[in-house]
Amino acid sequence: MVAEQNRELVERLRQQGVPAVSGDATEPAVLIQAHIARAAMLVIATPDTFGVRRMAEVAKALNPAIEVVVRTHNEEEMRLLEQAQIGKVFMGEHELAHGMAGHVLARMGRAAASR
């Protein structure tokens, strides 16, 4: 299920068979409409740290067992979210560097773990 503020994108997703709701996922009503109470995981990819915290709080209140995965945009935000124990936090630059290093090592015949 996708929660997205862009109505046109929501309509395109629905036409492709992807379940989607339109609205701001920091609003509890939108997460309820997205069936967050039954979800196994909440994936958050927004640059709004306050919004990330709000979504995670609402999701965990409605579904204490939910796993939260967050994409962050900088080191400071990453530290804050990890300290708040929001969930699993990924930083784009770190993931890109890790992926590139893994690719280079694989192409050179070495396993990523051999670094």
PDB file of N, CA and C in Angstrom:
ATOM      1  N   MET A   1       0.847  -1.172   0.000  1.00  0.00           N
ATOM      2  CA  MET A   1       0.000   0.000   0.000  1.00  0.00           C
ATOM      3  C   MET A   1       0.891   1.233   0.000  1.00  0.00           C
ATOM      4  N   VAL A   2       0.596   2.164  -0.870  1.00  0.00           N
ATOM      5  CA  VAL A   2       1.359   3.404  -0.962  1.00  0.00           C
ATOM      6  C   VAL A   2       0.489   4.549  -0.466  1.00  0.00           C
ATOM      7  N   ALA A   3       1.050   5.394   0.386  1.00  0.00           N
ATOM      8  CA  ALA A   3       0.400   6.639   0.793  1.00  0.00           C
ATOM      9  C   ALA A   3       1.203   7.769   0.170  1.00  0.00           C
ATOM     10  N   GLU A   4       0.538   8.577  -0.625  1.00  0.00           N
ATOM     11  CA  GLU A   4       1.226   9.605  -1.413  1.00  0.00           C
ATOM     12  C   GLU A   4       0.344  10.849  -1.493  1.00  0.00           C
ATOM     13  N   GLN A   5       0.948  12.032  -1.400  1.00  0.00           N
ATOM     14  CA  GLN A   5       0.189  13.280  -1.476  1.00  0.00           C
ATOM     15  C   GLN A   5      -0.172  13.661  -2.908  1.00  0.00           C
ATOM     16  N   ASN A   6       0.587  13.210  -3.871  1.00  0.00           N
ATOM     17  CA  ASN A   6       0.344  13.556  -5.272  1.00  0.00           C
ATOM     18  C   ASN A   6      -0.803  12.700  -5.818  1.00  0.00           C
ATOM     19  N   ARG A   7      -1.961  13.319  -6.000  1.00  0.00           N
ATOM     20  CA  ARG A   7      -3.159  12.584  -6.452  1.00  0.00           C
ATOM     21  C   ARG A   7      -2.973  11.936  -7.821  1.00  0.00           C
ATOM     22  N   GLU A   8      -2.285  12.617  -8.724  1.00  0.00           N
ATOM     23  CA  GLU A   8      -2.063  12.050 -10.055  1.00  0.00           C
ATOM     24  C   GLU A   8      -1.232  10.770  -9.968  1.00  0.00           C
ATOM     25  N   LEU A   9      -0.218  10.781  -9.130  1.00  0.00           N
ATOM     26  CA  LEU A   9       0.608   9.589  -8.943  1.00  0.00           C
ATOM     27  C   LEU A   9      -0.213   8.460  -8.328  1.00  0.00           C
ATOM     28  N   VAL A  10      -1.054   8.786  -7.366  1.00  0.00           N
ATOM     29  CA  VAL A  10      -1.918   7.779  -6.746  1.00  0.00           C
ATOM     30  C   VAL A  10      -2.818   7.143  -7.800  1.00  0.00           C
ATOM     31  N   GLU A  11      -3.397   7.946  -8.677  1.00  0.00           N
ATOM     32  CA  GLU A  11      -4.262   7.410  -9.741  1.00  0.00           C
ATOM     33  C   GLU A  11      -3.488   6.512 -10.693  1.00  0.00           C
ATOM     34  N   ARG A  12      -2.267   6.919 -11.056  1.00  0.00           N
ATOM     35  CA  ARG A  12      -1.443   6.080 -11.946  1.00  0.00           C
ATOM     36  C   ARG A  12      -1.110   4.750 -11.279  1.00  0.00           C
ATOM     37  N   LEU A  13      -0.765   4.804 -10.001  1.00  0.00           N
ATOM     38  CA  LEU A  13      -0.471   3.566  -9.273  1.00  0.00           C
ATOM     39  C   LEU A  13      -1.681   2.646  -9.250  1.00  0.00           C
ATOM     40  N   ARG A  14      -2.840   3.211  -8.973  1.00  0.00           N
ATOM     41  CA  ARG A  14      -4.067   2.414  -8.934  1.00  0.00           C
ATOM     42  C   ARG A  14      -4.357   1.784 -10.293  1.00  0.00           C
ATOM     43  N   GLN A  15      -4.119   2.530 -11.364  1.00  0.00           N
ATOM     44  CA  GLN A  15      -4.338   1.997 -12.711  1.00  0.00           C
ATOM     45  C   GLN A  15      -3.396   0.833 -13.008  1.00  0.00           C
ATOM     46  N   GLN A  16      -2.250   0.820 -12.350  1.00  0.00           N
ATOM     47  CA  GLN A  16      -1.278  -0.258 -12.521  1.00  0.00           C
ATOM     48  C   GLN A  16      -1.516  -1.399 -11.537  1.00  0.00           C
ATOM     49  N   GLY A  17      -2.579  -1.290 -10.747  1.00  0.00           N
ATOM     50  CA  GLY A  17      -2.921  -2.343  -9.805  1.00  0.00           C
ATOM     51  C   GLY A  17      -2.229  -2.239  -8.454  1.00  0.00           C
ATOM     52  N   VAL A  18      -1.575  -1.117  -8.195  1.00  0.00           N
ATOM     53  CA  VAL A  18      -0.889  -0.909  -6.921  1.00  0.00           C
ATOM     54  C   VAL A  18      -1.858  -0.225  -5.954  1.00  0.00           C
ATOM     55  N   PRO A  19      -2.124  -0.829  -4.814  1.00  0.00           N
ATOM     56  CA  PRO A  19      -3.006  -0.180  -3.844  1.00  0.00           C
ATOM     57  C   PRO A  19      -2.369   1.120  -3.358  1.00  0.00           C
ATOM     58  N   ALA A  20      -3.132   2.212  -3.386  1.00  0.00           N
ATOM     59  CA  ALA A  20      -2.591   3.509  -2.993  1.00  0.00           C
ATOM     60  C   ALA A  20      -3.699   4.387  -2.421  1.00  0.00           C
ATOM     61  N   VAL A  21      -3.318   5.209  -1.449  1.00  0.00           N
ATOM     62  CA  VAL A  21      -4.226   6.199  -0.877  1.00  0.00           C
ATOM     63  C   VAL A  21      -3.586   7.565  -1.038  1.00  0.00           C
ATOM     64  N   SER A  22      -4.432   8.565  -1.157  1.00  0.00           N
ATOM     65  CA  SER A  22      -3.963   9.928  -1.324  1.00  0.00           C
ATOM     66  C   SER A  22      -4.047  10.665   0.006  1.00  0.00           C
ATOM     67  N   GLY A  23      -2.953  11.303   0.380  1.00  0.00           N
ATOM     68  CA  GLY A  23      -2.957  12.097   1.595  1.00  0.00           C
ATOM     69  C   GLY A  23      -1.595  12.148   2.250  1.00  0.00           C
ATOM     70  N   ASP A  24      -1.521  12.910   3.327  1.00  0.00           N
ATOM     71  CA  ASP A  24      -0.304  13.107   4.089  1.00  0.00           C
ATOM     72  C   ASP A  24      -0.191  12.000   5.133  1.00  0.00           C
ATOM     73  N   ALA A  25       0.804  11.154   5.011  1.00  0.00           N
ATOM     74  CA  ALA A  25       0.947   9.994   5.895  1.00  0.00           C
ATOM     75  C   ALA A  25       1.309  10.371   7.326  1.00  0.00           C
ATOM     76  N   THR A  26       1.544  11.657   7.595  1.00  0.00           N
ATOM     77  CA  THR A  26       1.732  12.069   8.983  1.00  0.00           C
ATOM     78  C   THR A  26       0.382  12.199   9.683  1.00  0.00           C
ATOM     79  N   GLU A  27      -0.699  12.175   8.913  1.00  0.00           N
ATOM     80  CA  GLU A  27      -2.055  12.243   9.469  1.00  0.00           C
ATOM     81  C   GLU A  27      -2.534  10.834   9.794  1.00  0.00           C
ATOM     82  N   PRO A  28      -2.948  10.603  11.034  1.00  0.00           N
ATOM     83  CA  PRO A  28      -3.402   9.260  11.415  1.00  0.00           C
ATOM     84  C   PRO A  28      -4.488   8.692  10.493  1.00  0.00           C
ATOM     85  N   ALA A  29      -5.399   9.533  10.026  1.00  0.00           N
ATOM     86  CA  ALA A  29      -6.482   9.045   9.163  1.00  0.00           C
ATOM     87  C   ALA A  29      -5.948   8.422   7.876  1.00  0.00           C
ATOM     88  N   VAL A  30      -4.869   8.971   7.345  1.00  0.00           N
ATOM     89  CA  VAL A  30      -4.288   8.438   6.105  1.00  0.00           C
ATOM     90  C   VAL A  30      -3.655   7.075   6.379  1.00  0.00           C
ATOM     91  N   LEU A  31      -2.937   6.948   7.493  1.00  0.00           N
ATOM     92  CA  LEU A  31      -2.341   5.654   7.831  1.00  0.00           C
ATOM     93  C   LEU A  31      -3.418   4.618   8.139  1.00  0.00           C
ATOM     94  N   ILE A  32      -4.507   5.042   8.751  1.00  0.00           N
ATOM     95  CA  ILE A  32      -5.624   4.116   9.005  1.00  0.00           C
ATOM     96  C   ILE A  32      -6.221   3.657   7.681  1.00  0.00           C
ATOM     97  N   GLN A  33      -6.419   4.606   6.765  1.00  0.00           N
ATOM     98  CA  GLN A  33      -6.957   4.267   5.446  1.00  0.00           C
ATOM     99  C   GLN A  33      -6.015   3.311   4.695  1.00  0.00           C
ATOM    100  N   ALA A  34      -4.712   3.422   4.981  1.00  0.00           N
ATOM    101  CA  ALA A  34      -3.717   2.556   4.338  1.00  0.00           C
ATOM    102  C   ALA A  34      -3.581   1.209   5.058  1.00  0.00           C
ATOM    103  N   HIS A  35      -4.445   0.962   6.042  1.00  0.00           N
ATOM    104  CA  HIS A  35      -4.474  -0.307   6.784  1.00  0.00           C
ATOM    105  C   HIS A  35      -3.177  -0.574   7.536  1.00  0.00           C
ATOM    106  N   ILE A  36      -2.627   0.466   8.153  1.00  0.00           N
ATOM    107  CA  ILE A  36      -1.359   0.323   8.870  1.00  0.00           C
ATOM    108  C   ILE A  36      -1.475  -0.665  10.027  1.00  0.00           C
ATOM    109  N   ALA A  37      -2.658  -0.812  10.585  1.00  0.00           N
ATOM    110  CA  ALA A  37      -2.852  -1.730  11.718  1.00  0.00           C
ATOM    111  C   ALA A  37      -2.578  -3.185  11.329  1.00  0.00           C
ATOM    112  N   ARG A  38      -2.670  -3.494  10.017  1.00  0.00           N
ATOM    113  CA  ARG A  38      -2.434  -4.866   9.546  1.00  0.00           C
ATOM    114  C   ARG A  38      -1.115  -5.013   8.803  1.00  0.00           C
ATOM    115  N   ALA A  39      -0.382  -3.928   8.679  1.00  0.00           N
ATOM    116  CA  ALA A  39       0.857  -3.942   7.893  1.00  0.00           C
ATOM    117  C   ALA A  39       1.994  -4.609   8.663  1.00  0.00           C
ATOM    118  N   ALA A  40       2.856  -5.278   7.941  1.00  0.00           N
ATOM    119  CA  ALA A  40       4.044  -5.876   8.540  1.00  0.00           C
ATOM    120  C   ALA A  40       5.173  -4.856   8.628  1.00  0.00           C
ATOM    121  N   MET A  41       5.169  -3.887   7.686  1.00  0.00           N
ATOM    122  CA  MET A  41       6.284  -2.956   7.604  1.00  0.00           C
ATOM    123  C   MET A  41       5.814  -1.590   7.117  1.00  0.00           C
ATOM    124  N   LEU A  42       6.448  -0.550   7.634  1.00  0.00           N
ATOM    125  CA  LEU A  42       6.240   0.818   7.159  1.00  0.00           C
ATOM    126  C   LEU A  42       7.575   1.304   6.617  1.00  0.00           C
ATOM    127  N   VAL A  43       7.601   1.683   5.352  1.00  0.00           N
ATOM    128  CA  VAL A  43       8.809   2.204   4.719  1.00  0.00           C
ATOM    129  C   VAL A  43       8.600   3.696   4.501  1.00  0.00           C
ATOM    130  N   ILE A  44       9.497   4.500   5.060  1.00  0.00           N
ATOM    131  CA  ILE A  44       9.370   5.955   4.987  1.00  0.00           C
ATOM    132  C   ILE A  44      10.548   6.518   4.213  1.00  0.00           C
ATOM    133  N   ALA A  45      10.248   7.275   3.163  1.00  0.00           N
ATOM    134  CA  ALA A  45      11.300   7.871   2.330  1.00  0.00           C
ATOM    135  C   ALA A  45      10.996   9.344   2.095  1.00  0.00           C
ATOM    136  N   THR A  46      10.923  10.109   3.170  1.00  0.00           N
ATOM    137  CA  THR A  46      10.658  11.535   3.067  1.00  0.00           C
ATOM    138  C   THR A  46      11.766  12.297   3.782  1.00  0.00           C
ATOM    139  N   PRO A  47      12.118  13.490   3.312  1.00  0.00           N
ATOM    140  CA  PRO A  47      13.192  14.248   3.956  1.00  0.00           C
ATOM    141  C   PRO A  47      12.753  14.998   5.224  1.00  0.00           C
ATOM    142  N   ASP A  48      11.510  14.877   5.615  1.00  0.00           N
ATOM    143  CA  ASP A  48      10.962  15.604   6.760  1.00  0.00           C
ATOM    144  C   ASP A  48      11.128  14.805   8.049  1.00  0.00           C
ATOM    145  N   THR A  49      12.154  15.142   8.853  1.00  0.00           N
ATOM    146  CA  THR A  49      12.440  14.387  10.071  1.00  0.00           C
ATOM    147  C   THR A  49      11.265  14.380  11.031  1.00  0.00           C
ATOM    148  N   PHE A  50      10.606  15.523  11.189  1.00  0.00           N
ATOM    149  CA  PHE A  50       9.438  15.587  12.065  1.00  0.00           C
ATOM    150  C   PHE A  50       8.350  14.654  11.548  1.00  0.00           C
ATOM    151  N   GLY A  51       8.118  14.671  10.235  1.00  0.00           N
ATOM    152  CA  GLY A  51       7.117  13.798   9.629  1.00  0.00           C
ATOM    153  C   GLY A  51       7.447  12.328   9.816  1.00  0.00           C
ATOM    154  N   VAL A  52       8.731  11.992   9.699  1.00  0.00           N
ATOM    155  CA  VAL A  52       9.169  10.611   9.895  1.00  0.00           C
ATOM    156  C   VAL A  52       8.805  10.150  11.299  1.00  0.00           C
ATOM    157  N   ARG A  53       9.131  10.980  12.272  1.00  0.00           N
ATOM    158  CA  ARG A  53       8.830  10.630  13.668  1.00  0.00           C
ATOM    159  C   ARG A  53       7.329  10.487  13.879  1.00  0.00           C
ATOM    160  N   ARG A  54       6.565  11.402  13.313  1.00  0.00           N
ATOM    161  CA  ARG A  54       5.104  11.370  13.474  1.00  0.00           C
ATOM    162  C   ARG A  54       4.525  10.094  12.864  1.00  0.00           C
ATOM    163  N   MET A  55       4.949   9.753  11.632  1.00  0.00           N
ATOM    164  CA  MET A  55       4.457   8.532  10.982  1.00  0.00           C
ATOM    165  C   MET A  55       4.783   7.296  11.800  1.00  0.00           C
ATOM    166  N   ALA A  56       6.024   7.226  12.281  1.00  0.00           N
ATOM    167  CA  ALA A  56       6.443   6.063  13.063  1.00  0.00           C
ATOM    168  C   ALA A  56       5.664   5.970  14.366  1.00  0.00           C
ATOM    169  N   GLU A  57       5.444   7.092  15.036  1.00  0.00           N
ATOM    170  CA  GLU A  57       4.685   7.086  16.293  1.00  0.00           C
ATOM    171  C   GLU A  57       3.259   6.605  16.078  1.00  0.00           C
ATOM    172  N   VAL A  58       2.602   7.135  15.059  1.00  0.00           N
ATOM    173  CA  VAL A  58       1.220   6.744  14.767  1.00  0.00           C
ATOM    174  C   VAL A  58       1.169   5.271  14.385  1.00  0.00           C
ATOM    175  N   ALA A  59       2.077   4.848  13.519  1.00  0.00           N
ATOM    176  CA  ALA A  59       2.093   3.445  13.079  1.00  0.00           C
ATOM    177  C   ALA A  59       2.297   2.504  14.257  1.00  0.00           C
ATOM    178  N   LYS A  60       3.226   2.827  15.139  1.00  0.00           N
ATOM    179  CA  LYS A  60       3.504   1.953  16.282  1.00  0.00           C
ATOM    180  C   LYS A  60       2.366   1.969  17.297  1.00  0.00           C
ATOM    181  N   ALA A  61       1.652   3.092  17.393  1.00  0.00           N
ATOM    182  CA  ALA A  61       0.496   3.149  18.290  1.00  0.00           C
ATOM    183  C   ALA A  61      -0.625   2.248  17.765  1.00  0.00           C
ATOM    184  N   LEU A  62      -0.803   2.227  16.447  1.00  0.00           N
ATOM    185  CA  LEU A  62      -1.854   1.421  15.836  1.00  0.00           C
ATOM    186  C   LEU A  62      -1.433  -0.032  15.610  1.00  0.00           C
ATOM    187  N   ASN A  63      -0.116  -0.263  15.562  1.00  0.00           N
ATOM    188  CA  ASN A  63       0.400  -1.590  15.256  1.00  0.00           C
ATOM    189  C   ASN A  63       1.761  -1.759  15.936  1.00  0.00           C
ATOM    190  N   PRO A  64       1.779  -2.099  17.213  1.00  0.00           N
ATOM    191  CA  PRO A  64       3.043  -2.180  17.956  1.00  0.00           C
ATOM    192  C   PRO A  64       4.077  -3.135  17.361  1.00  0.00           C
ATOM    193  N   ALA A  65       3.651  -4.109  16.581  1.00  0.00           N
ATOM    194  CA  ALA A  65       4.585  -5.087  16.009  1.00  0.00           C
ATOM    195  C   ALA A  65       5.170  -4.644  14.672  1.00  0.00           C
ATOM    196  N   ILE A  66       4.765  -3.496  14.158  1.00  0.00           N
ATOM    197  CA  ILE A  66       5.209  -3.075  12.825  1.00  0.00           C
ATOM    198  C   ILE A  66       6.707  -2.785  12.801  1.00  0.00           C
ATOM    199  N   GLU A  67       7.341  -3.176  11.725  1.00  0.00           N
ATOM    200  CA  GLU A  67       8.749  -2.844  11.499  1.00  0.00           C
ATOM    201  C   GLU A  67       8.797  -1.549  10.711  1.00  0.00           C
ATOM    202  N   VAL A  68       9.644  -0.612  11.146  1.00  0.00           N
ATOM    203  CA  VAL A  68       9.761   0.682  10.474  1.00  0.00           C
ATOM    204  C   VAL A  68      11.137   0.772   9.833  1.00  0.00           C
ATOM    205  N   VAL A  69      11.151   1.128   8.545  1.00  0.00           N
ATOM    206  CA  VAL A  69      12.378   1.304   7.784  1.00  0.00           C
ATOM    207  C   VAL A  69      12.367   2.724   7.233  1.00  0.00           C
ATOM    208  N   VAL A  70      13.466   3.445   7.457  1.00  0.00           N
ATOM    209  CA  VAL A  70      13.512   4.863   7.102  1.00  0.00           C
ATOM    210  C   VAL A  70      14.732   5.165   6.244  1.00  0.00           C
ATOM    211  N   ARG A  71      14.511   5.962   5.205  1.00  0.00           N
ATOM    212  CA  ARG A  71      15.629   6.503   4.423  1.00  0.00           C
ATOM    213  C   ARG A  71      15.883   7.907   4.941  1.00  0.00           C
ATOM    214  N   THR A  72      17.134   8.174   5.297  1.00  0.00           N
ATOM    215  CA  THR A  72      17.499   9.496   5.776  1.00  0.00           C
ATOM    216  C   THR A  72      18.429  10.172   4.787  1.00  0.00           C
ATOM    217  N   HIS A  73      18.599  11.469   4.949  1.00  0.00           N
ATOM    218  CA  HIS A  73      19.330  12.239   3.954  1.00  0.00           C
ATOM    219  C   HIS A  73      20.660  12.801   4.432  1.00  0.00           C
ATOM    220  N   ASN A  74      20.941  12.697   5.750  1.00  0.00           N
ATOM    221  CA  ASN A  74      22.225  13.196   6.242  1.00  0.00           C
ATOM    222  C   ASN A  74      22.591  12.518   7.558  1.00  0.00           C
ATOM    223  N   GLU A  75      23.855  12.668   7.941  1.00  0.00           N
ATOM    224  CA  GLU A  75      24.396  12.009   9.139  1.00  0.00           C
ATOM    225  C   GLU A  75      23.676  12.439  10.413  1.00  0.00           C
ATOM    226  N   GLU A  76      23.439  13.738  10.560  1.00  0.00           N
ATOM    227  CA  GLU A  76      22.800  14.244  11.782  1.00  0.00           C
ATOM    228  C   GLU A  76      21.399  13.655  11.947  1.00  0.00           C
ATOM    229  N   GLU A  77      20.642  13.662  10.863  1.00  0.00           N
ATOM    230  CA  GLU A  77      19.292  13.095  10.892  1.00  0.00           C
ATOM    231  C   GLU A  77      19.350  11.599  11.208  1.00  0.00           C
ATOM    232  N   MET A  78      20.326  10.917  10.644  1.00  0.00           N
ATOM    233  CA  MET A  78      20.484   9.490  10.884  1.00  0.00           C
ATOM    234  C   MET A  78      20.715   9.222  12.370  1.00  0.00           C
ATOM    235  N   ARG A  79      21.622   9.997  12.976  1.00  0.00           N
ATOM    236  CA  ARG A  79      21.915   9.830  14.408  1.00  0.00           C
ATOM    237  C   ARG A  79      20.665  10.100  15.253  1.00  0.00           C
ATOM    238  N   LEU A  80      19.928  11.159  14.931  1.00  0.00           N
ATOM    239  CA  LEU A  80      18.723  11.497  15.691  1.00  0.00           C
ATOM    240  C   LEU A  80      17.685  10.386  15.616  1.00  0.00           C
ATOM    241  N   LEU A  81      17.472   9.856  14.417  1.00  0.00           N
ATOM    242  CA  LEU A  81      16.477   8.798  14.240  1.00  0.00           C
ATOM    243  C   LEU A  81      16.914   7.506  14.919  1.00  0.00           C
ATOM    244  N   GLU A  82      18.202   7.212  14.858  1.00  0.00           N
ATOM    245  CA  GLU A  82      18.698   6.007  15.543  1.00  0.00           C
ATOM    246  C   GLU A  82      18.576   6.165  17.063  1.00  0.00           C
ATOM    247  N   GLN A  83      18.881   7.339  17.579  1.00  0.00           N
ATOM    248  CA  GLN A  83      18.752   7.589  19.015  1.00  0.00           C
ATOM    249  C   GLN A  83      17.302   7.473  19.467  1.00  0.00           C
ATOM    250  N   ALA A  84      16.389   7.909  18.620  1.00  0.00           N
ATOM    251  CA  ALA A  84      14.961   7.833  18.947  1.00  0.00           C
ATOM    252  C   ALA A  84      14.416   6.413  18.759  1.00  0.00           C
ATOM    253  N   GLN A  85      15.250   5.524  18.264  1.00  0.00           N
ATOM    254  CA  GLN A  85      14.873   4.126  18.029  1.00  0.00           C
ATOM    255  C   GLN A  85      13.602   4.014  17.184  1.00  0.00           C
ATOM    256  N   ILE A  86      13.566   4.805  16.109  1.00  0.00           N
ATOM    257  CA  ILE A  86      12.442   4.819  15.187  1.00  0.00           C
ATOM    258  C   ILE A  86      12.309   3.478  14.480  1.00  0.00           C
ATOM    259  N   GLY A  87      13.427   2.903  14.106  1.00  0.00           N
ATOM    260  CA  GLY A  87      13.448   1.652  13.355  1.00  0.00           C
ATOM    261  C   GLY A  87      14.792   1.531  12.668  1.00  0.00           C
ATOM    262  N   LYS A  88      14.833   0.781  11.586  1.00  0.00           N
ATOM    263  CA  LYS A  88      16.067   0.607  10.812  1.00  0.00           C
ATOM    264  C   LYS A  88      16.247   1.829   9.917  1.00  0.00           C
ATOM    265  N   VAL A  89      17.395   2.494  10.051  1.00  0.00           N
ATOM    266  CA  VAL A  89      17.644   3.729   9.322  1.00  0.00           C
ATOM    267  C   VAL A  89      18.728   3.497   8.267  1.00  0.00           C
ATOM    268  N   PHE A  90      18.446   3.927   7.050  1.00  0.00           N
ATOM    269  CA  PHE A  90      19.407   3.837   5.950  1.00  0.00           C
ATOM    270  C   PHE A  90      19.689   5.236   5.442  1.00  0.00           C
ATOM    271  N   MET A  91      20.956   5.513   5.184  1.00  0.00           N
ATOM    272  CA  MET A  91      21.316   6.798   4.593  1.00  0.00           C
ATOM    273  C   MET A  91      21.715   6.554   3.150  1.00  0.00           C
ATOM    274  N   GLY A  92      21.130   7.296   2.250  1.00  0.00           N
ATOM    275  CA  GLY A  92      21.342   7.101   0.822  1.00  0.00           C
ATOM    276  C   GLY A  92      22.800   7.058   0.410  1.00  0.00           C
ATOM    277  N   GLU A  93      23.602   7.995   0.903  1.00  0.00           N
ATOM    278  CA  GLU A  93      25.011   8.039   0.531  1.00  0.00           C
ATOM    279  C   GLU A  93      25.749   6.792   0.995  1.00  0.00           C
ATOM    280  N   HIS A  94      25.447   6.306   2.198  1.00  0.00           N
ATOM    281  CA  HIS A  94      26.102   5.092   2.690  1.00  0.00           C
ATOM    282  C   HIS A  94      25.737   3.884   1.837  1.00  0.00           C
ATOM    283  N   GLU A  95      24.456   3.766   1.517  1.00  0.00           N
ATOM    284  CA  GLU A  95      23.992   2.623   0.726  1.00  0.00           C
ATOM    285  C   GLU A  95      24.579   2.655  -0.677  1.00  0.00           C
ATOM    286  N   LEU A  96      24.681   3.841  -1.255  1.00  0.00           N
ATOM    287  CA  LEU A  96      25.283   3.979  -2.575  1.00  0.00           C
ATOM    288  C   LEU A  96      26.752   3.559  -2.542  1.00  0.00           C
ATOM    289  N   ALA A  97      27.483   4.040  -1.548  1.00  0.00           N
ATOM    290  CA  ALA A  97      28.899   3.685  -1.431  1.00  0.00           C
ATOM    291  C   ALA A  97      29.071   2.179  -1.217  1.00  0.00           C
ATOM    292  N   HIS A  98      28.234   1.595  -0.375  1.00  0.00           N
ATOM    293  CA  HIS A  98      28.310   0.154  -0.107  1.00  0.00           C
ATOM    294  C   HIS A  98      28.022  -0.644  -1.388  1.00  0.00           C
ATOM    295  N   GLY A  99      26.999  -0.226  -2.112  1.00  0.00           N
ATOM    296  CA  GLY A  99      26.657  -0.915  -3.359  1.00  0.00           C
ATOM    297  C   GLY A  99      27.756  -0.811  -4.400  1.00  0.00           C
ATOM    298  N   MET A 100      28.343   0.377  -4.520  1.00  0.00           N
ATOM    299  CA  MET A 100      29.430   0.557  -5.486  1.00  0.00           C
ATOM    300  C   MET A 100      30.645  -0.285  -5.106  1.00  0.00           C
ATOM    301  N   ALA A 101      31.001  -0.290  -3.826  1.00  0.00           N
ATOM    302  CA  ALA A 101      32.153  -1.080  -3.381  1.00  0.00           C
ATOM    303  C   ALA A 101      31.911  -2.569  -3.621  1.00  0.00           C
ATOM    304  N   GLY A 102      30.699  -3.029  -3.328  1.00  0.00           N
ATOM    305  CA  GLY A 102      30.361  -4.426  -3.567  1.00  0.00           C
ATOM    306  C   GLY A 102      30.464  -4.791  -5.029  1.00  0.00           C
ATOM    307  N   HIS A 103      30.008  -3.904  -5.898  1.00  0.00           N
ATOM    308  CA  HIS A 103      30.075  -4.145  -7.340  1.00  0.00           C
ATOM    309  C   HIS A 103      31.531  -4.233  -7.802  1.00  0.00           C
ATOM    310  N   VAL A 104      32.358  -3.284  -7.369  1.00  0.00           N
ATOM    311  CA  VAL A 104      33.765  -3.265  -7.772  1.00  0.00           C
ATOM    312  C   VAL A 104      34.464  -4.540  -7.302  1.00  0.00           C
ATOM    313  N   LEU A 105      34.228  -4.912  -6.040  1.00  0.00           N
ATOM    314  CA  LEU A 105      34.873  -6.120  -5.510  1.00  0.00           C
ATOM    315  C   LEU A 105      34.395  -7.372  -6.251  1.00  0.00           C
ATOM    316  N   ALA A 106      33.123  -7.438  -6.550  1.00  0.00           N
ATOM    317  CA  ALA A 106      32.592  -8.595  -7.284  1.00  0.00           C
ATOM    318  C   ALA A 106      33.189  -8.668  -8.688  1.00  0.00           C
ATOM    319  N   ARG A 107      33.307  -7.535  -9.345  1.00  0.00           N
ATOM    320  CA  ARG A 107      33.876  -7.511 -10.700  1.00  0.00           C
ATOM    321  C   ARG A 107      35.347  -7.878 -10.698  1.00  0.00           C
ATOM    322  N   MET A 108      36.019  -7.636  -9.593  1.00  0.00           N
ATOM    323  CA  MET A 108      37.437  -7.974  -9.495  1.00  0.00           C
ATOM    324  C   MET A 108      37.631  -9.376  -8.921  1.00  0.00           C
ATOM    325  N   GLY A 109      36.531 -10.112  -8.746  1.00  0.00           N
ATOM    326  CA  GLY A 109      36.629 -11.487  -8.286  1.00  0.00           C
ATOM    327  C   GLY A 109      36.796 -11.646  -6.790  1.00  0.00           C
ATOM    328  N   ARG A 110      36.418 -10.644  -6.050  1.00  0.00           N
ATOM    329  CA  ARG A 110      36.543 -10.713  -4.596  1.00  0.00           C
ATOM    330  C   ARG A 110      35.173 -10.552  -3.952  1.00  0.00           C
ATOM    331  N   ALA A 111      34.966 -11.239  -2.870  1.00  0.00           N
ATOM    332  CA  ALA A 111      33.706 -11.117  -2.123  1.00  0.00           C
ATOM    333  C   ALA A 111      33.753  -9.829  -1.327  1.00  0.00           C
ATOM    334  N   ALA A 112      32.611  -9.199  -1.160  1.00  0.00           N
ATOM    335  CA  ALA A 112      32.529  -7.946  -0.397  1.00  0.00           C
ATOM    336  C   ALA A 112      33.044  -8.124   1.016  1.00  0.00           C
ATOM    337  N   ALA A 113      32.893  -9.314   1.596  1.00  0.00           N
ATOM    338  CA  ALA A 113      33.323  -9.555   2.967  1.00  0.00           C
ATOM    339  C   ALA A 113      34.844  -9.584   3.090  1.00  0.00           C
ATOM    340  N   SER A 114      35.571  -9.707   1.975  1.00  0.00           N
ATOM    341  CA  SER A 114      37.025  -9.819   2.061  1.00  0.00           C
ATOM    342  C   SER A 114      37.707  -8.468   2.199  1.00  0.00           C
ATOM    343  N   ARG A 115      36.959  -7.404   2.285  1.00  0.00           N
ATOM    344  CA  ARG A 115      37.535  -6.064   2.444  1.00  0.00           C
ATOM    345  C   ARG A 115      38.282  -5.881   3.705  1.00  0.00           C
TER     346      ARG A 115
END
